């Protein structure tokens, strides 16, 4: 099984998926009508991706928090792509705590790192968490700016099955229960 980090000179540090195009290319087999292969575009440098929507796994798949993030970005007069580019620059400059980054070799990830689409969604979700943490309360939509943080923060399980709880408390924060 060939993974991106083992293929040619790709810097597939963040993604450890096997890609059939990489394997077959190494074997000298190329796509044809009778032998279709997944395409090389499945993995590319972070800098080449364009984000058009907030990934569904953002904010632990809490749709209410995703909506707040989307409205905050619009309220600032920015696009999602602009926000992500700003935060990729912060990532490159090592201005972000990478402890919870859901990619392999998180300390080595830069905008030049090759990752797949799914891993890019994970990265965007991670960067949107930091965007929200860094967003001052007055920049949040007025209807949510006065919410208190949930004790369990991003690790709250109730946010997934209680819309009322998800709406009432902020879950884009660190857990404080038991600390």
N, C-alpha and C. Protein backbone atom coordinates (compact mmCIF):
# COMPACT_ATOMS: atom_id res chain seq x y z
N UNK A 1 0.85 -1.18 0.00
CA UNK A 1 0.00 0.00 0.00
C UNK A 1 0.89 1.24 0.00
N UNK A 2 0.66 2.12 -0.90
CA UNK A 2 1.45 3.33 -1.01
C UNK A 2 0.65 4.48 -0.43
N UNK A 3 1.28 5.21 0.46
CA UNK A 3 0.64 6.38 1.03
C UNK A 3 1.30 7.62 0.46
N UNK A 4 0.64 8.77 0.52
CA UNK A 4 1.19 9.98 -0.07
C UNK A 4 2.59 10.31 0.43
N UNK A 5 2.89 10.04 1.70
CA UNK A 5 4.20 10.39 2.21
C UNK A 5 5.30 9.51 1.64
N UNK A 6 4.94 8.42 0.96
CA UNK A 6 5.94 7.52 0.38
C UNK A 6 6.05 7.66 -1.13
N UNK A 7 5.28 8.51 -1.73
CA UNK A 7 5.23 8.58 -3.18
C UNK A 7 6.05 9.76 -3.67
N UNK A 8 7.00 9.47 -4.54
CA UNK A 8 7.78 10.52 -5.17
C UNK A 8 8.29 11.55 -4.18
N UNK A 9 8.18 12.82 -4.54
CA UNK A 9 8.64 13.88 -3.67
C UNK A 9 7.49 14.61 -3.00
N UNK A 10 6.32 13.99 -2.93
CA UNK A 10 5.18 14.62 -2.28
C UNK A 10 5.43 14.75 -0.79
N UNK A 11 5.01 15.87 -0.24
CA UNK A 11 5.12 16.07 1.19
C UNK A 11 3.82 15.67 1.86
N UNK A 12 3.37 14.45 1.74
CA UNK A 12 2.10 14.02 2.28
C UNK A 12 2.16 13.77 3.77
N UNK A 13 2.56 14.76 4.53
CA UNK A 13 2.75 14.60 5.96
C UNK A 13 1.43 14.46 6.72
N UNK A 14 0.44 15.23 6.34
CA UNK A 14 -0.78 15.28 7.12
C UNK A 14 -1.73 14.14 6.87
N UNK A 15 -1.68 13.56 5.71
CA UNK A 15 -2.64 12.56 5.28
C UNK A 15 -1.95 11.21 5.20
N UNK A 16 -2.59 10.18 5.75
CA UNK A 16 -1.97 8.85 5.66
C UNK A 16 -2.83 7.88 4.87
N UNK A 17 -3.71 8.39 4.04
CA UNK A 17 -4.55 7.55 3.20
C UNK A 17 -3.76 6.96 2.05
N UNK A 18 -4.19 5.81 1.64
CA UNK A 18 -3.61 5.22 0.43
C UNK A 18 -4.37 5.78 -0.77
N UNK A 19 -3.65 6.07 -1.83
CA UNK A 19 -4.27 6.59 -3.04
C UNK A 19 -3.91 5.67 -4.19
N UNK A 20 -4.94 5.14 -4.86
CA UNK A 20 -4.66 4.19 -5.92
C UNK A 20 -3.86 4.82 -7.05
N UNK A 21 -4.08 6.11 -7.37
CA UNK A 21 -3.32 6.73 -8.44
C UNK A 21 -1.83 6.71 -8.11
N UNK A 22 -1.50 6.91 -6.84
CA UNK A 22 -0.09 6.91 -6.44
C UNK A 22 0.51 5.52 -6.59
N UNK A 23 -0.21 4.53 -6.14
CA UNK A 23 0.28 3.15 -6.24
C UNK A 23 0.48 2.75 -7.69
N UNK A 24 -0.55 2.94 -8.50
CA UNK A 24 -0.48 2.49 -9.88
C UNK A 24 0.54 3.29 -10.68
N UNK A 25 0.71 4.56 -10.39
CA UNK A 25 1.73 5.36 -11.07
C UNK A 25 3.11 4.80 -10.78
N UNK A 26 3.33 4.44 -9.51
CA UNK A 26 4.62 3.84 -9.12
C UNK A 26 4.84 2.50 -9.83
N UNK A 27 3.76 1.82 -10.18
CA UNK A 27 3.86 0.54 -10.86
C UNK A 27 3.95 0.71 -12.39
N UNK A 28 3.85 1.96 -12.88
CA UNK A 28 3.91 2.22 -14.31
C UNK A 28 2.60 2.00 -15.03
N UNK A 29 1.50 1.93 -14.28
CA UNK A 29 0.17 1.74 -14.87
C UNK A 29 -0.55 3.09 -14.83
N UNK A 30 -1.11 3.48 -15.96
CA UNK A 30 -1.81 4.75 -16.03
C UNK A 30 -3.27 4.54 -16.40
N UNK A 31 -4.08 5.50 -16.10
CA UNK A 31 -5.52 5.42 -16.33
C UNK A 31 -5.83 5.29 -17.82
N UNK A 32 -6.85 4.50 -18.10
CA UNK A 32 -7.36 4.37 -19.47
C UNK A 32 -8.86 4.14 -19.37
N UNK A 33 -9.53 4.08 -20.51
CA UNK A 33 -10.97 3.83 -20.49
C UNK A 33 -11.30 2.49 -19.85
N UNK A 34 -10.44 1.52 -20.06
CA UNK A 34 -10.71 0.19 -19.50
C UNK A 34 -10.18 0.03 -18.07
N UNK A 35 -9.29 0.93 -17.64
CA UNK A 35 -8.73 0.88 -16.29
C UNK A 35 -8.78 2.26 -15.64
N UNK A 36 -9.98 2.75 -15.27
CA UNK A 36 -10.04 4.08 -14.67
C UNK A 36 -9.41 4.07 -13.26
N UNK A 37 -8.69 5.12 -12.94
CA UNK A 37 -8.07 5.28 -11.62
C UNK A 37 -8.55 6.59 -11.01
N UNK A 38 -8.49 6.65 -9.70
CA UNK A 38 -8.80 7.94 -9.09
C UNK A 38 -7.76 8.94 -9.58
N UNK A 39 -8.09 10.20 -9.54
CA UNK A 39 -7.25 11.21 -10.16
C UNK A 39 -6.24 11.80 -9.19
N UNK A 40 -5.17 12.31 -9.74
CA UNK A 40 -4.09 12.94 -8.97
C UNK A 40 -4.61 14.12 -8.16
N UNK A 41 -5.69 14.75 -8.61
CA UNK A 41 -6.23 15.93 -7.92
C UNK A 41 -6.77 15.59 -6.53
N UNK A 42 -6.84 14.31 -6.20
CA UNK A 42 -7.31 13.91 -4.86
C UNK A 42 -6.35 14.32 -3.77
N UNK A 43 -5.14 14.64 -4.11
CA UNK A 43 -4.16 15.10 -3.13
C UNK A 43 -3.35 16.22 -3.76
N UNK A 44 -3.27 17.33 -3.05
CA UNK A 44 -2.53 18.48 -3.56
C UNK A 44 -2.09 19.35 -2.38
N UNK A 45 -1.23 20.33 -2.63
CA UNK A 45 -0.78 21.20 -1.55
C UNK A 45 -1.95 21.99 -0.96
N UNK A 46 -1.88 22.23 0.31
CA UNK A 46 -2.92 23.00 1.00
C UNK A 46 -3.16 24.33 0.28
N UNK A 47 -2.11 24.96 -0.17
CA UNK A 47 -2.22 26.28 -0.82
C UNK A 47 -3.04 26.26 -2.10
N UNK A 48 -3.26 25.09 -2.69
CA UNK A 48 -4.01 25.01 -3.95
C UNK A 48 -5.51 24.77 -3.76
N UNK A 49 -5.93 24.53 -2.54
CA UNK A 49 -7.35 24.27 -2.30
C UNK A 49 -8.13 25.58 -2.24
N UNK A 50 -9.40 25.50 -2.61
CA UNK A 50 -10.33 26.62 -2.47
C UNK A 50 -11.50 26.10 -1.66
N UNK A 51 -11.82 26.80 -0.59
CA UNK A 51 -12.93 26.39 0.26
C UNK A 51 -14.16 27.21 -0.09
N UNK A 52 -15.28 26.52 -0.29
CA UNK A 52 -16.51 27.21 -0.69
C UNK A 52 -17.63 27.05 0.33
N UNK A 53 -17.41 26.17 1.31
CA UNK A 53 -18.43 25.93 2.33
C UNK A 53 -17.75 25.51 3.62
N UNK A 54 -18.43 25.71 4.71
CA UNK A 54 -17.91 25.26 6.01
C UNK A 54 -18.10 23.74 6.05
N UNK A 55 -17.02 22.99 6.30
CA UNK A 55 -17.14 21.53 6.35
C UNK A 55 -18.12 21.08 7.43
N UNK A 56 -18.83 20.01 7.18
CA UNK A 56 -19.86 19.53 8.11
C UNK A 56 -19.30 19.11 9.46
N UNK A 57 -18.02 18.77 9.54
CA UNK A 57 -17.45 18.35 10.82
C UNK A 57 -16.95 19.52 11.66
N UNK A 58 -17.05 20.74 11.14
CA UNK A 58 -16.62 21.92 11.88
C UNK A 58 -17.41 22.07 13.18
N UNK A 59 -16.71 22.47 14.22
CA UNK A 59 -17.31 22.66 15.55
C UNK A 59 -18.04 21.40 16.02
N UNK A 60 -17.37 20.27 15.87
CA UNK A 60 -17.90 18.96 16.27
C UNK A 60 -19.27 18.71 15.63
N UNK A 61 -19.43 19.14 14.39
CA UNK A 61 -20.66 18.97 13.60
C UNK A 61 -21.86 19.69 14.20
N UNK A 62 -21.61 20.70 15.00
CA UNK A 62 -22.69 21.49 15.61
C UNK A 62 -23.12 22.54 14.58
N UNK A 63 -24.24 22.29 13.93
CA UNK A 63 -24.74 23.16 12.86
C UNK A 63 -25.03 24.57 13.37
N UNK A 64 -25.46 24.70 14.61
CA UNK A 64 -25.75 26.01 15.18
C UNK A 64 -24.46 26.85 15.27
N UNK A 65 -23.37 26.23 15.73
CA UNK A 65 -22.09 26.94 15.83
C UNK A 65 -21.53 27.24 14.43
N UNK A 66 -21.76 26.33 13.49
CA UNK A 66 -21.32 26.57 12.11
C UNK A 66 -22.02 27.80 11.54
N UNK A 67 -23.32 27.91 11.82
CA UNK A 67 -24.09 29.05 11.34
C UNK A 67 -23.55 30.36 11.95
N UNK A 68 -23.20 30.34 13.21
CA UNK A 68 -22.64 31.53 13.87
C UNK A 68 -21.32 31.92 13.20
N UNK A 69 -20.49 30.92 12.92
CA UNK A 69 -19.21 31.19 12.26
C UNK A 69 -19.45 31.80 10.89
N UNK A 70 -20.37 31.23 10.13
CA UNK A 70 -20.68 31.74 8.80
C UNK A 70 -21.20 33.18 8.87
N UNK A 71 -22.09 33.44 9.80
CA UNK A 71 -22.63 34.81 9.93
C UNK A 71 -21.56 35.79 10.40
N UNK A 72 -20.65 35.35 11.26
CA UNK A 72 -19.55 36.21 11.73
C UNK A 72 -18.66 36.61 10.56
N UNK A 73 -18.35 35.65 9.71
CA UNK A 73 -17.51 35.93 8.54
C UNK A 73 -18.20 36.94 7.63
N UNK A 74 -19.50 36.74 7.37
CA UNK A 74 -20.25 37.65 6.52
C UNK A 74 -20.32 39.05 7.15
N UNK A 75 -20.54 39.09 8.46
CA UNK A 75 -20.65 40.36 9.18
C UNK A 75 -19.35 41.15 9.08
N UNK A 76 -18.22 40.46 8.99
CA UNK A 76 -16.91 41.11 8.85
C UNK A 76 -16.65 41.55 7.42
N UNK A 77 -17.53 41.17 6.48
CA UNK A 77 -17.35 41.53 5.09
C UNK A 77 -16.27 40.71 4.39
N UNK A 78 -16.02 39.50 4.91
CA UNK A 78 -15.01 38.62 4.33
C UNK A 78 -15.67 37.42 3.69
N UNK A 79 -14.88 36.68 2.95
CA UNK A 79 -15.34 35.40 2.43
C UNK A 79 -14.70 34.29 3.26
N UNK A 80 -15.27 33.12 3.20
CA UNK A 80 -14.70 31.97 3.90
C UNK A 80 -13.27 31.73 3.41
N UNK A 81 -13.05 31.82 2.11
CA UNK A 81 -11.71 31.62 1.54
C UNK A 81 -10.71 32.62 2.13
N UNK A 82 -11.11 33.89 2.25
CA UNK A 82 -10.21 34.90 2.83
C UNK A 82 -9.84 34.57 4.26
N UNK A 83 -10.83 34.15 5.03
CA UNK A 83 -10.57 33.80 6.44
C UNK A 83 -9.61 32.62 6.51
N UNK A 84 -9.83 31.60 5.70
CA UNK A 84 -8.96 30.43 5.73
C UNK A 84 -7.55 30.79 5.28
N UNK A 85 -7.42 31.61 4.27
CA UNK A 85 -6.08 32.05 3.84
C UNK A 85 -5.36 32.80 4.95
N UNK A 86 -6.08 33.66 5.68
CA UNK A 86 -5.48 34.37 6.83
C UNK A 86 -4.97 33.38 7.87
N UNK A 87 -5.78 32.36 8.15
CA UNK A 87 -5.40 31.40 9.19
C UNK A 87 -4.35 30.40 8.71
N UNK A 88 -4.28 30.14 7.42
CA UNK A 88 -3.18 29.32 6.90
C UNK A 88 -1.86 30.08 7.05
N UNK A 89 -1.90 31.39 6.85
CA UNK A 89 -0.71 32.21 7.08
C UNK A 89 -0.28 32.13 8.55
N UNK A 90 -1.25 32.20 9.47
CA UNK A 90 -0.94 32.06 10.89
C UNK A 90 -0.35 30.67 11.18
N UNK A 91 -0.88 29.65 10.50
CA UNK A 91 -0.35 28.30 10.64
C UNK A 91 1.10 28.25 10.17
N UNK A 92 1.36 28.83 9.01
CA UNK A 92 2.73 28.87 8.48
C UNK A 92 3.68 29.61 9.43
N UNK A 93 3.18 30.67 10.05
CA UNK A 93 4.00 31.48 10.97
C UNK A 93 4.06 30.90 12.38
N UNK A 94 3.45 29.72 12.55
CA UNK A 94 3.46 29.00 13.83
C UNK A 94 2.81 29.82 14.95
N UNK A 95 1.72 30.51 14.61
CA UNK A 95 0.98 31.33 15.58
C UNK A 95 -0.20 30.58 16.19
N UNK A 96 -0.36 29.32 15.84
CA UNK A 96 -1.51 28.53 16.29
C UNK A 96 -1.02 27.33 17.09
N UNK A 97 -1.71 27.05 18.19
CA UNK A 97 -1.45 25.84 18.96
C UNK A 97 -1.95 24.66 18.14
N UNK A 98 -1.07 23.76 17.79
CA UNK A 98 -1.42 22.64 16.92
C UNK A 98 -1.77 21.36 17.69
N UNK A 99 -1.88 21.46 18.99
CA UNK A 99 -2.11 20.28 19.82
C UNK A 99 -3.28 19.44 19.35
N UNK A 100 -4.39 20.06 19.02
CA UNK A 100 -5.59 19.33 18.62
C UNK A 100 -5.77 19.24 17.10
N UNK A 101 -4.75 19.58 16.32
CA UNK A 101 -4.87 19.49 14.87
C UNK A 101 -5.05 18.02 14.48
N UNK A 102 -6.11 17.72 13.74
CA UNK A 102 -6.44 16.32 13.43
C UNK A 102 -5.69 15.75 12.22
N UNK A 103 -4.46 16.19 11.99
CA UNK A 103 -3.66 15.68 10.89
C UNK A 103 -2.38 15.06 11.44
N UNK A 104 -1.83 14.12 10.70
CA UNK A 104 -0.56 13.52 11.09
C UNK A 104 0.56 14.55 10.99
N UNK A 105 1.54 14.42 11.85
CA UNK A 105 2.72 15.29 11.83
C UNK A 105 2.32 16.77 11.87
N UNK A 106 1.40 17.11 12.75
CA UNK A 106 0.83 18.46 12.82
C UNK A 106 1.90 19.54 12.92
N UNK A 107 2.97 19.29 13.61
CA UNK A 107 4.02 20.30 13.77
C UNK A 107 4.72 20.64 12.47
N UNK A 108 4.65 19.76 11.49
CA UNK A 108 5.35 19.96 10.22
C UNK A 108 4.46 20.49 9.11
N UNK A 109 3.18 20.63 9.35
CA UNK A 109 2.23 21.03 8.30
C UNK A 109 2.44 22.51 7.94
N UNK A 110 2.50 22.77 6.64
CA UNK A 110 2.55 24.14 6.12
C UNK A 110 1.60 24.21 4.92
N UNK A 111 1.51 25.37 4.33
CA UNK A 111 0.66 25.51 3.14
C UNK A 111 1.19 24.70 1.96
N UNK A 112 2.44 24.26 2.02
CA UNK A 112 3.03 23.45 0.95
C UNK A 112 2.78 21.95 1.14
N UNK A 113 2.24 21.55 2.29
CA UNK A 113 2.00 20.13 2.57
C UNK A 113 0.89 19.60 1.69
N UNK A 114 1.08 18.39 1.18
CA UNK A 114 0.08 17.73 0.35
C UNK A 114 -0.88 16.97 1.25
N UNK A 115 -2.18 17.18 1.03
CA UNK A 115 -3.20 16.44 1.76
C UNK A 115 -4.38 16.17 0.82
N UNK A 116 -5.23 15.24 1.22
CA UNK A 116 -6.42 14.92 0.43
C UNK A 116 -7.56 15.88 0.78
N UNK A 117 -8.66 15.79 0.05
CA UNK A 117 -9.82 16.67 0.28
C UNK A 117 -10.39 16.50 1.68
N UNK A 118 -10.48 15.25 2.14
CA UNK A 118 -11.03 15.00 3.48
C UNK A 118 -10.14 15.62 4.55
N UNK A 119 -8.84 15.48 4.39
CA UNK A 119 -7.92 16.08 5.37
C UNK A 119 -7.95 17.60 5.29
N UNK A 120 -8.19 18.13 4.09
CA UNK A 120 -8.33 19.58 3.96
C UNK A 120 -9.56 20.06 4.75
N UNK A 121 -10.65 19.31 4.68
CA UNK A 121 -11.84 19.66 5.47
C UNK A 121 -11.51 19.64 6.96
N UNK A 122 -10.72 18.67 7.40
CA UNK A 122 -10.30 18.62 8.81
C UNK A 122 -9.48 19.85 9.17
N UNK A 123 -8.58 20.24 8.27
CA UNK A 123 -7.75 21.42 8.51
C UNK A 123 -8.60 22.68 8.57
N UNK A 124 -9.52 22.84 7.63
CA UNK A 124 -10.41 24.01 7.62
C UNK A 124 -11.22 24.06 8.92
N UNK A 125 -11.72 22.92 9.37
CA UNK A 125 -12.47 22.87 10.62
C UNK A 125 -11.62 23.31 11.79
N UNK A 126 -10.39 22.85 11.81
CA UNK A 126 -9.44 23.23 12.86
C UNK A 126 -9.17 24.74 12.83
N UNK A 127 -8.95 25.28 11.64
CA UNK A 127 -8.68 26.72 11.51
C UNK A 127 -9.90 27.56 11.87
N UNK A 128 -11.09 27.07 11.55
CA UNK A 128 -12.31 27.81 11.91
C UNK A 128 -12.54 27.81 13.42
N UNK A 129 -12.10 26.76 14.09
CA UNK A 129 -12.15 26.76 15.56
C UNK A 129 -11.30 27.93 16.08
N UNK A 130 -10.08 28.05 15.57
CA UNK A 130 -9.20 29.13 16.03
C UNK A 130 -9.73 30.50 15.61
N UNK A 131 -10.33 30.57 14.45
CA UNK A 131 -10.96 31.83 14.03
C UNK A 131 -12.01 32.25 15.05
N UNK A 132 -12.87 31.32 15.43
CA UNK A 132 -13.93 31.64 16.39
C UNK A 132 -13.38 31.97 17.77
N UNK A 133 -12.37 31.24 18.23
CA UNK A 133 -11.76 31.52 19.54
C UNK A 133 -11.18 32.93 19.55
N UNK A 134 -10.59 33.34 18.43
CA UNK A 134 -9.94 34.65 18.35
C UNK A 134 -10.91 35.79 18.05
N UNK A 135 -12.14 35.47 17.66
CA UNK A 135 -13.11 36.50 17.31
C UNK A 135 -13.67 37.13 18.59
N UNK A 136 -13.50 38.45 18.75
CA UNK A 136 -14.05 39.11 19.93
C UNK A 136 -15.58 38.99 19.95
N UNK A 137 -16.15 38.95 21.13
CA UNK A 137 -17.59 38.79 21.29
C UNK A 137 -18.39 39.82 20.49
N UNK A 138 -17.91 41.06 20.45
CA UNK A 138 -18.65 42.09 19.74
C UNK A 138 -18.71 41.84 18.23
N UNK A 139 -17.85 40.96 17.71
CA UNK A 139 -17.86 40.63 16.29
C UNK A 139 -18.80 39.47 15.97
N UNK A 140 -19.34 38.83 17.00
CA UNK A 140 -20.30 37.74 16.79
C UNK A 140 -21.67 38.35 16.51
N UNK A 141 -22.54 37.61 15.85
CA UNK A 141 -23.90 38.11 15.64
C UNK A 141 -24.54 38.48 16.99
N UNK A 142 -25.28 39.58 17.05
CA UNK A 142 -25.84 40.07 18.31
C UNK A 142 -26.70 39.04 19.06
N UNK A 143 -27.42 38.19 18.32
CA UNK A 143 -28.32 37.23 18.98
C UNK A 143 -27.57 36.12 19.73
N UNK A 144 -26.25 36.01 19.56
CA UNK A 144 -25.50 34.94 20.24
C UNK A 144 -24.33 35.45 21.08
N UNK A 145 -24.06 36.73 21.01
CA UNK A 145 -22.87 37.26 21.68
C UNK A 145 -22.93 37.19 23.20
N UNK A 146 -24.11 37.09 23.78
CA UNK A 146 -24.24 37.06 25.24
C UNK A 146 -24.29 35.64 25.82
N UNK A 147 -24.16 34.63 24.98
CA UNK A 147 -24.23 33.25 25.48
C UNK A 147 -23.04 32.95 26.40
N UNK A 148 -23.31 32.16 27.42
CA UNK A 148 -22.24 31.70 28.29
C UNK A 148 -21.60 30.47 27.68
N UNK A 149 -20.32 30.25 28.03
CA UNK A 149 -19.63 29.04 27.56
C UNK A 149 -20.20 27.81 28.26
N UNK A 150 -20.28 26.74 27.53
CA UNK A 150 -20.64 25.45 28.10
C UNK A 150 -19.44 24.94 28.89
N UNK A 151 -19.67 24.38 30.06
CA UNK A 151 -18.57 23.85 30.88
C UNK A 151 -17.74 22.83 30.11
N UNK A 152 -18.39 22.07 29.25
CA UNK A 152 -17.70 21.01 28.54
C UNK A 152 -17.14 21.48 27.20
N UNK A 153 -17.43 22.72 26.81
CA UNK A 153 -16.87 23.31 25.60
C UNK A 153 -17.06 22.45 24.37
N UNK A 154 -16.00 22.37 23.55
CA UNK A 154 -16.08 21.60 22.31
C UNK A 154 -16.31 20.11 22.55
N UNK A 155 -16.03 19.62 23.76
CA UNK A 155 -16.18 18.20 24.07
C UNK A 155 -17.60 17.85 24.56
N UNK A 156 -18.49 18.80 24.59
CA UNK A 156 -19.85 18.57 25.08
C UNK A 156 -20.59 17.57 24.19
N UNK A 157 -21.16 16.54 24.82
CA UNK A 157 -21.93 15.56 24.07
C UNK A 157 -23.38 16.01 23.90
N UNK A 158 -23.86 16.81 24.84
CA UNK A 158 -25.26 17.26 24.80
C UNK A 158 -25.54 18.14 23.58
N UNK A 159 -24.54 18.87 23.10
CA UNK A 159 -24.74 19.75 21.95
C UNK A 159 -25.23 19.00 20.70
N UNK A 160 -25.00 17.69 20.67
CA UNK A 160 -25.37 16.90 19.49
C UNK A 160 -26.81 16.41 19.51
N UNK A 161 -27.41 16.32 20.68
CA UNK A 161 -28.78 15.79 20.74
C UNK A 161 -29.78 16.75 21.36
N UNK A 162 -29.31 17.92 21.80
CA UNK A 162 -30.23 18.91 22.35
C UNK A 162 -30.02 20.25 21.64
N UNK A 163 -30.92 20.54 20.71
CA UNK A 163 -30.83 21.80 19.98
C UNK A 163 -30.93 22.99 20.94
N UNK A 164 -31.76 22.86 21.96
CA UNK A 164 -31.90 23.94 22.94
C UNK A 164 -30.56 24.22 23.63
N UNK A 165 -29.87 23.17 24.05
CA UNK A 165 -28.57 23.34 24.71
C UNK A 165 -27.55 23.92 23.73
N UNK A 166 -27.54 23.42 22.51
CA UNK A 166 -26.60 23.91 21.50
C UNK A 166 -26.82 25.39 21.24
N UNK A 167 -28.05 25.82 21.26
CA UNK A 167 -28.41 27.21 21.01
C UNK A 167 -28.12 28.10 22.22
N UNK A 168 -28.30 27.56 23.42
CA UNK A 168 -28.18 28.33 24.66
C UNK A 168 -26.74 28.61 25.08
N UNK A 169 -25.83 27.70 24.82
CA UNK A 169 -24.45 27.81 25.29
C UNK A 169 -23.46 27.83 24.11
N UNK A 170 -22.34 28.50 24.34
CA UNK A 170 -21.24 28.51 23.38
C UNK A 170 -20.44 27.22 23.53
N UNK A 171 -20.22 26.52 22.44
CA UNK A 171 -19.43 25.28 22.46
C UNK A 171 -18.11 25.41 21.72
N UNK A 172 -17.82 26.61 21.24
CA UNK A 172 -16.53 26.84 20.61
C UNK A 172 -15.61 27.48 21.66
N UNK A 173 -15.28 26.64 22.62
CA UNK A 173 -14.43 27.04 23.74
C UNK A 173 -13.81 25.79 24.34
N UNK A 174 -12.82 25.99 25.18
CA UNK A 174 -12.19 24.84 25.85
C UNK A 174 -13.03 24.39 27.01
N UNK A 175 -12.99 23.09 27.31
CA UNK A 175 -13.72 22.60 28.48
C UNK A 175 -13.13 23.19 29.77
N UNK A 176 -14.02 23.56 30.69
CA UNK A 176 -13.57 24.08 31.98
C UNK A 176 -14.03 23.20 33.14
N UNK A 177 -14.94 22.30 32.88
CA UNK A 177 -15.45 21.39 33.92
C UNK A 177 -14.33 20.53 34.44
N UNK A 178 -14.14 20.54 35.73
CA UNK A 178 -13.13 19.70 36.36
C UNK A 178 -11.73 20.29 36.34
N UNK A 179 -11.56 21.52 35.83
CA UNK A 179 -10.21 22.08 35.80
C UNK A 179 -9.98 23.01 36.96
